N, C-alpha and C. Protein backbone atom coordinates (compact mmCIF):
# COMPACT_ATOMS: atom_id res chain seq x y z
N UNK A 1 35.39 29.72 -10.27
CA UNK A 1 35.34 31.22 -9.79
C UNK A 1 34.28 31.50 -11.08
N UNK A 2 33.57 32.20 -10.98
CA UNK A 2 32.68 32.79 -12.07
C UNK A 2 33.14 33.95 -12.42
N UNK A 3 33.78 33.61 -13.67
CA UNK A 3 34.40 35.09 -14.70
C UNK A 3 33.03 35.86 -15.55
N UNK A 4 33.23 37.03 -15.01
CA UNK A 4 32.13 37.87 -15.57
C UNK A 4 32.92 38.91 -16.55
N UNK A 5 32.57 38.68 -17.74
CA UNK A 5 32.69 39.85 -18.67
C UNK A 5 31.75 41.07 -18.91
N UNK A 6 31.90 42.10 -18.91
CA UNK A 6 30.94 43.39 -19.18
C UNK A 6 31.32 44.06 -20.43
N UNK A 7 30.20 44.02 -21.22
CA UNK A 7 30.12 44.95 -22.71
C UNK A 7 29.44 45.82 -22.50
N UNK A 8 29.60 46.88 -23.22
CA UNK A 8 29.34 48.20 -22.94
C UNK A 8 28.76 48.77 -24.44
N UNK A 9 27.56 48.51 -25.02
CA UNK A 9 27.51 48.63 -26.37
C UNK A 9 26.51 50.17 -26.37
N UNK A 10 25.74 50.22 -25.56
CA UNK A 10 24.95 51.75 -25.17
C UNK A 10 25.48 52.50 -24.28
N UNK A 11 26.85 53.51 -24.95
CA UNK A 11 27.61 54.19 -23.85
C UNK A 11 26.61 55.44 -23.36
N UNK A 12 25.49 55.77 -23.49
CA UNK A 12 24.91 56.82 -22.87
C UNK A 12 25.36 56.79 -21.24
N UNK A 13 25.31 55.49 -20.76
CA UNK A 13 25.57 55.89 -19.21
C UNK A 13 27.27 54.89 -19.17
N UNK A 14 27.69 55.74 -18.46
CA UNK A 14 29.32 55.05 -17.94
C UNK A 14 29.00 53.91 -16.72
N UNK A 15 29.01 52.78 -17.37
CA UNK A 15 28.82 51.58 -16.37
C UNK A 15 30.18 51.43 -15.77
N UNK A 16 30.08 50.69 -14.63
CA UNK A 16 31.26 50.47 -13.60
C UNK A 16 31.55 48.93 -14.03
N UNK A 17 32.27 48.50 -14.67
CA UNK A 17 32.47 47.21 -15.14
C UNK A 17 32.85 46.47 -13.65
N UNK A 18 33.55 46.91 -12.81
CA UNK A 18 34.04 46.24 -11.64
C UNK A 18 32.84 45.89 -10.69
N UNK A 19 31.85 46.73 -10.88
CA UNK A 19 30.68 46.70 -9.78
C UNK A 19 29.59 45.78 -10.33
N UNK A 20 29.55 45.72 -11.83
CA UNK A 20 28.67 44.59 -12.22
C UNK A 20 29.29 43.35 -12.12
N UNK A 21 30.66 43.00 -12.27
CA UNK A 21 30.98 41.90 -12.21
C UNK A 21 30.88 41.37 -10.54
N UNK A 22 31.39 42.06 -9.54
CA UNK A 22 31.10 41.64 -8.13
C UNK A 22 29.92 41.23 -7.92
N UNK A 23 29.01 41.87 -8.41
CA UNK A 23 27.38 42.04 -7.81
C UNK A 23 26.81 40.58 -8.82
N UNK A 24 27.29 40.34 -9.41
CA UNK A 24 27.18 39.01 -10.59
C UNK A 24 27.69 37.93 -10.00
N UNK A 25 28.80 37.99 -9.49
CA UNK A 25 29.72 36.80 -8.68
C UNK A 25 28.84 36.53 -7.46
N UNK A 26 28.70 37.31 -6.72
CA UNK A 26 28.39 37.06 -5.52
C UNK A 26 26.86 36.57 -5.56
N UNK A 27 25.97 36.79 -6.70
CA UNK A 27 24.52 36.42 -6.49
C UNK A 27 24.68 34.85 -7.29
N UNK A 28 25.53 34.77 -8.28
CA UNK A 28 25.72 33.50 -8.75
C UNK A 28 26.38 32.45 -7.54
N UNK A 29 27.29 33.03 -6.87
CA UNK A 29 28.04 32.13 -5.88
C UNK A 29 27.01 31.89 -4.69
N UNK A 30 26.25 32.74 -4.34
CA UNK A 30 25.27 32.37 -3.28
C UNK A 30 24.00 31.67 -3.77
N UNK A 31 23.93 31.54 -5.16
CA UNK A 31 22.95 30.34 -5.47
C UNK A 31 23.50 29.41 -6.13
N UNK A 32 24.71 29.15 -5.63
CA UNK A 32 25.24 27.43 -5.89
C UNK A 32 26.15 27.61 -7.49
N UNK A 33 26.27 28.58 -8.18
CA UNK A 33 27.37 28.38 -9.37
C UNK A 33 28.40 28.97 -8.85
N UNK A 34 29.83 27.87 -8.75
CA UNK A 34 31.22 28.50 -8.22
C UNK A 34 31.66 28.49 -9.29
N UNK A 35 31.67 27.98 -10.84
CA UNK A 35 32.37 27.85 -11.51
C UNK A 35 31.89 28.26 -12.93
N UNK A 36 32.51 29.05 -13.79
CA UNK A 36 31.59 29.56 -15.34
C UNK A 36 32.11 30.49 -15.43
N UNK A 37 31.38 31.03 -16.74
CA UNK A 37 31.41 32.25 -17.31
C UNK A 37 30.37 33.10 -17.52
N UNK A 38 29.74 34.40 -17.51
CA UNK A 38 28.86 34.99 -17.55
C UNK A 38 29.18 36.33 -18.28
N UNK A 39 28.62 36.80 -19.18
CA UNK A 39 28.86 38.20 -20.05
C UNK A 39 27.52 38.96 -19.68
N UNK A 40 27.89 40.04 -19.42
CA UNK A 40 26.78 41.06 -19.11
C UNK A 40 26.55 42.03 -20.29
N UNK A 41 25.88 42.44 -21.20
CA UNK A 41 25.85 43.13 -22.06
C UNK A 41 24.87 44.41 -21.70
N UNK A 42 25.37 45.40 -21.80
CA UNK A 42 24.28 47.03 -21.85
C UNK A 42 24.11 47.47 -23.32
N UNK A 43 23.01 47.40 -23.82
CA UNK A 43 23.06 47.58 -24.86
C UNK A 43 21.97 48.23 -25.37
N UNK A 44 21.54 48.14 -26.75
CA UNK A 44 20.08 49.11 -27.27
C UNK A 44 18.93 48.41 -27.09
N UNK A 45 17.92 49.51 -26.95
CA UNK A 45 16.87 49.09 -26.79
C UNK A 45 16.28 48.17 -27.52
N UNK A 46 16.59 48.36 -29.04
CA UNK A 46 16.13 47.68 -30.39
C UNK A 46 16.35 45.90 -30.15
N UNK A 47 18.00 45.91 -29.66
CA UNK A 47 18.69 44.60 -29.72
C UNK A 47 17.62 43.65 -28.92
N UNK A 48 17.37 44.31 -27.68
CA UNK A 48 16.38 43.70 -26.89
C UNK A 48 15.27 43.27 -27.33
N UNK A 49 14.50 43.99 -27.77
CA UNK A 49 13.34 43.98 -28.71
C UNK A 49 13.48 42.90 -29.94
N UNK A 50 14.35 42.83 -30.28
CA UNK A 50 14.45 41.78 -31.19
C UNK A 50 14.80 40.40 -30.97
N UNK A 51 15.50 40.54 -29.75
CA UNK A 51 15.74 38.97 -29.26
C UNK A 51 14.69 38.42 -28.22
N UNK A 52 13.78 39.50 -27.73
CA UNK A 52 12.70 39.13 -27.39
C UNK A 52 11.55 38.32 -28.52
N UNK A 53 11.66 39.33 -29.21
CA UNK A 53 10.83 38.54 -30.57
C UNK A 53 11.26 37.16 -31.32
N UNK A 54 12.35 37.05 -31.34
CA UNK A 54 13.03 36.09 -32.20
C UNK A 54 12.94 34.93 -30.99
N UNK A 55 13.34 34.98 -30.03
CA UNK A 55 13.60 33.89 -28.99
C UNK A 55 12.04 33.53 -28.06
N UNK A 56 11.34 34.85 -28.02
CA UNK A 56 10.16 34.35 -26.90
C UNK A 56 9.11 34.69 -27.65
N UNK A 57 8.90 34.92 -29.18
CA UNK A 57 7.95 35.56 -30.08
C UNK A 57 6.84 36.47 -29.58
N UNK A 58 7.49 37.55 -28.62
CA UNK A 58 7.00 38.72 -28.29
C UNK A 58 7.55 39.79 -28.78
N UNK A 59 6.90 40.39 -29.55
CA UNK A 59 7.29 41.84 -30.25
C UNK A 59 7.14 43.06 -29.20
N UNK A 60 8.17 43.03 -28.04
CA UNK A 60 8.09 44.12 -27.15
C UNK A 60 9.11 44.32 -26.73
N UNK A 61 9.25 45.92 -26.14
CA UNK A 61 10.53 46.33 -25.61
C UNK A 61 10.62 45.71 -24.15
N UNK A 62 11.51 45.43 -23.44
CA UNK A 62 11.86 44.88 -22.43
C UNK A 62 13.08 45.15 -21.63
N UNK A 63 13.42 45.07 -20.41
CA UNK A 63 14.60 45.83 -19.82
C UNK A 63 15.90 44.71 -19.48
N UNK A 64 15.45 43.64 -19.83
CA UNK A 64 16.65 42.77 -19.37
C UNK A 64 16.08 41.18 -19.83
N UNK A 65 17.00 40.75 -20.83
CA UNK A 65 17.06 39.07 -21.18
C UNK A 65 18.27 38.23 -21.16
N UNK A 66 17.66 36.82 -20.37
CA UNK A 66 18.92 36.26 -19.73
C UNK A 66 19.04 34.79 -20.58
N UNK A 67 20.15 34.43 -21.17
CA UNK A 67 20.21 32.89 -21.73
C UNK A 67 21.28 32.05 -21.18
N UNK A 68 20.84 30.99 -20.58
CA UNK A 68 21.64 30.10 -19.88
C UNK A 68 22.21 29.27 -21.20
N UNK A 69 23.40 29.09 -21.78
CA UNK A 69 23.98 28.55 -22.67
C UNK A 69 24.57 27.31 -22.52
N UNK A 70 24.57 26.86 -21.26
CA UNK A 70 25.62 25.49 -21.25
C UNK A 70 24.53 24.16 -21.30
N UNK A 71 24.98 23.28 -21.46
CA UNK A 71 23.86 22.47 -21.48
C UNK A 71 24.32 21.02 -20.12
N UNK A 72 23.89 19.99 -20.14
CA UNK A 72 23.82 19.31 -18.96
C UNK A 72 25.35 18.93 -18.98
N UNK A 73 26.11 18.89 -17.84
CA UNK A 73 27.29 18.38 -17.47
C UNK A 73 28.23 19.18 -17.97
N UNK A 74 27.84 20.58 -18.23
CA UNK A 74 29.06 21.69 -18.86
C UNK A 74 29.20 22.69 -18.12
N UNK A 75 30.20 23.27 -17.76
CA UNK A 75 30.45 24.57 -17.07
C UNK A 75 29.28 25.77 -17.34
N UNK A 76 29.12 25.92 -16.19
CA UNK A 76 27.89 26.90 -16.28
C UNK A 76 28.26 28.23 -17.58
N UNK A 77 27.67 28.56 -18.20
CA UNK A 77 27.61 29.65 -19.32
C UNK A 77 26.49 30.62 -19.33
N UNK A 78 26.51 31.51 -19.29
CA UNK A 78 25.37 32.74 -19.63
C UNK A 78 25.38 34.11 -20.17
N UNK A 79 24.26 34.64 -20.38
CA UNK A 79 24.60 35.85 -20.81
C UNK A 79 23.02 36.49 -20.71
N UNK A 80 23.67 38.06 -19.82
CA UNK A 80 22.38 38.92 -19.58
C UNK A 80 22.67 40.27 -20.63
N UNK A 81 21.42 40.20 -21.10
CA UNK A 81 21.69 41.68 -22.19
C UNK A 81 20.58 42.65 -21.30
N UNK A 82 21.03 44.24 -20.85
CA UNK A 82 20.17 44.73 -20.22
C UNK A 82 20.20 46.19 -21.26
N UNK A 83 18.90 46.63 -21.06
CA UNK A 83 18.87 48.18 -21.86
C UNK A 83 18.91 49.30 -20.63
N UNK A 84 20.19 49.81 -21.04
CA UNK A 84 19.82 51.04 -19.88
C UNK A 84 18.73 52.12 -19.94
N UNK A 85 18.48 52.28 -21.38
CA UNK A 85 17.31 53.26 -21.52
C UNK A 85 16.20 52.61 -20.97
N UNK A 86 15.82 51.31 -21.01
CA UNK A 86 14.52 50.85 -20.20
C UNK A 86 14.90 50.86 -18.57
N UNK A 87 16.15 50.65 -18.29
CA UNK A 87 16.25 50.85 -16.59
C UNK A 87 15.92 52.39 -16.38
N UNK A 88 16.53 53.41 -17.06
CA UNK A 88 16.05 54.68 -16.91
C UNK A 88 14.79 54.81 -16.73
N UNK A 89 13.78 54.55 -17.93
CA UNK A 89 12.41 54.48 -17.59
C UNK A 89 11.92 53.77 -16.60
N UNK A 90 12.18 52.84 -16.15
CA UNK A 90 11.85 52.06 -14.96
C UNK A 90 12.12 52.83 -13.42
N UNK A 91 13.19 53.46 -13.52
CA UNK A 91 13.84 54.14 -12.44
C UNK A 91 12.59 55.33 -12.04
N UNK A 92 12.41 55.88 -13.20
CA UNK A 92 11.53 56.99 -13.00
C UNK A 92 10.14 56.34 -12.64
N UNK A 93 9.50 55.39 -13.18
CA UNK A 93 8.38 54.82 -13.09
C UNK A 93 8.07 54.19 -11.66
N UNK A 94 9.29 53.56 -11.23
CA UNK A 94 9.24 53.00 -9.94
C UNK A 94 9.71 53.76 -8.48
N UNK A 95 10.37 55.29 -9.32
CA UNK A 95 11.08 55.96 -8.33
C UNK A 95 12.12 55.48 -7.29
N UNK A 96 12.76 55.18 -7.99
CA UNK A 96 14.26 54.38 -7.91
C UNK A 96 15.61 54.85 -8.47
N UNK A 97 16.43 55.22 -7.63
CA UNK A 97 17.59 55.89 -8.18
C UNK A 97 17.94 54.72 -9.40
N UNK A 98 18.68 55.31 -10.70
CA UNK A 98 18.58 54.56 -11.57
C UNK A 98 20.18 53.21 -11.24
N UNK A 99 20.89 53.43 -10.34
CA UNK A 99 22.20 52.79 -10.09
C UNK A 99 21.20 51.43 -9.35
N UNK A 100 20.46 51.99 -8.51
CA UNK A 100 19.51 50.78 -7.97
C UNK A 100 18.71 49.67 -9.23
N UNK A 101 18.13 50.60 -9.95
CA UNK A 101 17.57 49.60 -11.09
C UNK A 101 18.50 49.06 -12.06
N UNK A 102 19.17 49.63 -12.25
CA UNK A 102 20.63 48.63 -12.99
C UNK A 102 20.90 47.36 -12.03
N UNK A 103 21.20 47.55 -11.06
CA UNK A 103 21.63 46.63 -10.08
C UNK A 103 20.68 45.59 -9.92
N UNK A 104 19.15 45.99 -9.87
CA UNK A 104 18.16 44.84 -10.02
C UNK A 104 18.13 44.32 -11.32
N UNK A 105 18.32 44.55 -12.59
CA UNK A 105 18.18 43.96 -13.56
C UNK A 105 19.87 42.76 -13.67
N UNK A 106 20.64 43.42 -12.91
CA UNK A 106 21.78 42.33 -13.08
C UNK A 106 21.30 41.03 -12.26
N UNK A 107 20.68 41.76 -11.07
CA UNK A 107 20.45 40.63 -9.75
C UNK A 107 19.06 39.51 -10.57
N UNK A 108 18.13 40.25 -11.43
CA UNK A 108 17.19 39.69 -11.95
C UNK A 108 17.50 38.71 -12.93
N UNK A 109 18.61 39.13 -13.95
CA UNK A 109 19.34 38.22 -14.94
C UNK A 109 19.68 37.15 -14.34
N UNK A 110 20.54 37.59 -13.27
CA UNK A 110 21.16 36.35 -12.62
C UNK A 110 20.27 35.29 -11.99
N UNK A 111 19.20 35.67 -11.33
CA UNK A 111 18.13 34.87 -10.89
C UNK A 111 17.45 34.00 -11.80
N UNK A 112 17.27 34.66 -13.00
CA UNK A 112 16.92 33.60 -14.15
C UNK A 112 17.86 32.26 -14.45
N UNK A 113 19.31 33.01 -14.44
CA UNK A 113 20.16 32.23 -15.21
C UNK A 113 20.24 30.45 -13.78
N UNK A 114 19.78 31.21 -12.82
CA UNK A 114 19.56 30.19 -11.76
C UNK A 114 18.49 29.34 -11.88
N UNK A 115 17.63 29.53 -12.61
CA UNK A 115 16.68 28.87 -12.60
C UNK A 115 15.09 29.31 -12.10
N UNK A 116 15.44 30.60 -11.70
CA UNK A 116 14.13 31.44 -11.09
C UNK A 116 13.21 31.75 -12.05
N UNK A 117 11.89 31.42 -12.05
CA UNK A 117 10.92 32.25 -12.90
C UNK A 117 10.11 33.22 -12.39
N UNK A 118 9.40 33.96 -13.46
CA UNK A 118 8.50 34.99 -12.87
C UNK A 118 7.35 35.16 -13.97
N UNK A 119 7.11 34.21 -14.28
CA UNK A 119 5.30 33.86 -15.25
C UNK A 119 4.34 34.19 -14.54
N UNK A 120 3.90 33.47 -13.30
CA UNK A 120 2.96 33.39 -12.31
C UNK A 120 3.13 35.03 -11.60
N UNK A 121 2.28 35.34 -10.96
CA UNK A 121 2.04 36.45 -9.93
C UNK A 121 2.83 35.88 -8.82
N UNK A 122 2.66 34.74 -8.22
CA UNK A 122 3.23 34.37 -7.17
C UNK A 122 4.80 34.01 -7.39
N UNK A 123 4.98 33.88 -8.51
CA UNK A 123 6.67 33.48 -9.00
C UNK A 123 7.25 35.20 -9.23
N UNK A 124 6.50 35.97 -9.32
CA UNK A 124 6.79 37.23 -9.74
C UNK A 124 7.19 38.14 -8.40
N UNK A 125 6.26 37.57 -7.13
CA UNK A 125 6.24 38.23 -5.91
C UNK A 125 7.64 37.23 -5.28
N UNK A 126 7.66 36.11 -5.64
CA UNK A 126 8.68 35.59 -4.81
C UNK A 126 10.34 35.89 -5.36
N UNK A 127 10.20 36.41 -6.68
CA UNK A 127 11.44 36.90 -7.34
C UNK A 127 11.52 38.12 -6.80
N UNK A 128 10.99 38.97 -6.68
CA UNK A 128 11.26 40.55 -6.20
C UNK A 128 11.66 40.35 -4.72
N UNK A 129 11.06 39.64 -3.86
CA UNK A 129 11.29 39.45 -2.42
C UNK A 129 13.06 38.86 -2.60
N UNK A 130 13.33 38.29 -3.32
CA UNK A 130 14.69 37.18 -3.52
C UNK A 130 15.71 38.44 -4.17
N UNK A 131 15.17 39.27 -4.81
CA UNK A 131 16.19 40.31 -5.47
C UNK A 131 16.19 41.28 -4.31
N UNK A 132 15.25 41.80 -3.48
CA UNK A 132 15.47 42.76 -2.41
C UNK A 132 16.52 42.22 -1.39
N UNK A 133 16.24 40.92 -1.59
CA UNK A 133 17.26 40.42 -0.23
C UNK A 133 18.80 40.42 -0.89
N UNK A 134 18.97 40.04 -1.82
CA UNK A 134 20.11 40.06 -2.67
C UNK A 134 20.80 41.18 -2.71
N UNK A 135 20.09 42.06 -2.90
CA UNK A 135 20.55 43.42 -3.25
C UNK A 135 20.98 44.37 -1.93
N UNK A 136 20.18 44.02 -1.16
CA UNK A 136 20.43 44.59 0.12
C UNK A 136 21.93 43.93 0.75
N UNK A 137 21.92 42.55 0.27
CA UNK A 137 23.31 41.84 0.81
C UNK A 137 24.33 42.40 0.09
N UNK A 138 24.40 42.40 -1.08
CA UNK A 138 25.58 42.43 -2.21
C UNK A 138 25.66 43.63 -3.16
N UNK A 139 24.33 44.44 -3.30
CA UNK A 139 24.74 45.53 -4.19
C UNK A 139 25.68 46.48 -3.84
N UNK A 140 26.53 46.96 -4.80
CA UNK A 140 27.34 48.21 -4.60
C UNK A 140 26.87 49.29 -4.49
N UNK A 141 27.35 50.28 -3.97
CA UNK A 141 26.66 51.59 -3.90
C UNK A 141 26.47 52.34 -5.54
N UNK A 142 27.33 52.09 -5.95
CA UNK A 142 27.10 52.67 -7.30
C UNK A 142 27.00 51.50 -8.58
N UNK A 143 26.41 51.54 -9.49
CA UNK A 143 26.83 50.42 -10.49
C UNK A 143 27.13 51.40 -12.06
N UNK A 144 27.06 52.58 -11.65
CA UNK A 144 27.20 53.64 -12.61
C UNK A 144 28.40 54.37 -12.22
N UNK A 145 29.22 55.22 -13.23
CA UNK A 145 29.99 56.23 -12.80
C UNK A 145 29.20 57.60 -13.42
N UNK A 146 28.79 58.24 -13.00
CA UNK A 146 28.32 59.65 -13.77
C UNK A 146 29.39 60.91 -13.94
């Protein structure tokens, strides 16, 4: 079983940890990960910018970053960092409910941990289609409690 921990550092939004856990577990299990540990951290914009700069040499704000922590022959372990502030801006930009955008970011992070890439336009298109299918199948009604 995938054990999912949810940490909420940016408490501007009231995140429903059980909805996040269920969504992440379903996506990872669907992708072939049956055992391991995932931590999903909802945190401040600045931390994601610092992580993006430090690990990817890009000094930009971003909405989600995922790190696969395990190595060969180790039990699955990963971390997903999400900026609720950036998710709020995206929800306005893409005319999506905030709950849907947060669910998409959880899904996007899980797909990265499963090895999906989104560097090329073809990869981005493929990943978006997979996100849409997974969200339709697994997304809870709400990922926030308002």
